[in-house]
Amino acid sequence: QVQLVESGGGLVQPGGSLRLSCAASGFTLDDYSVGWFRQVPGQDREGVSCIRAANGATYYAESIKGRFTISRDYVENMIYLEMNSLKPEDTAVYYCAADSLRHHCSSSVATYTYEYWGQGTQVTVSS
């Protein structure tokens, strides 16, 4: 069956780094737009970063630009989010997602209905 499974979350001190991984199974990510989202209880889901399937273009939210890097591994069928210089306000549950619409990555990514979602991984930035 189709599945996305995140890993790599945890507790890190401010200024630290984490690398989130997302393993896809049951389908091939090649033709899918992929993204990372995060959500804090009581707040709207935020689109953190994504890669457009159509041309490989990436999007980064202003809040994380210059600190986070999204990537994908076509061979391993994986998505990654490298997070550096973490701040307490980055604390959230992070989700990976994939969508078959090849243009579904832009500054409006938080409004898109992505088809497949992982279960989420908690990232806590605290001293």
Foldseek 3Di string as FASTA:
>chain_A
DWAKAKDWADEAAQQAKIKIKIAIPPDAQLQKKKFKWWDDPPDAIGTAKIAFNVPRDMDGDPVQPPFWDWDADRVRRMIMIIGGSDDQVVWTWMKMFIANHRGCHDNCNSVDDTDHMHPTDTHGYHD
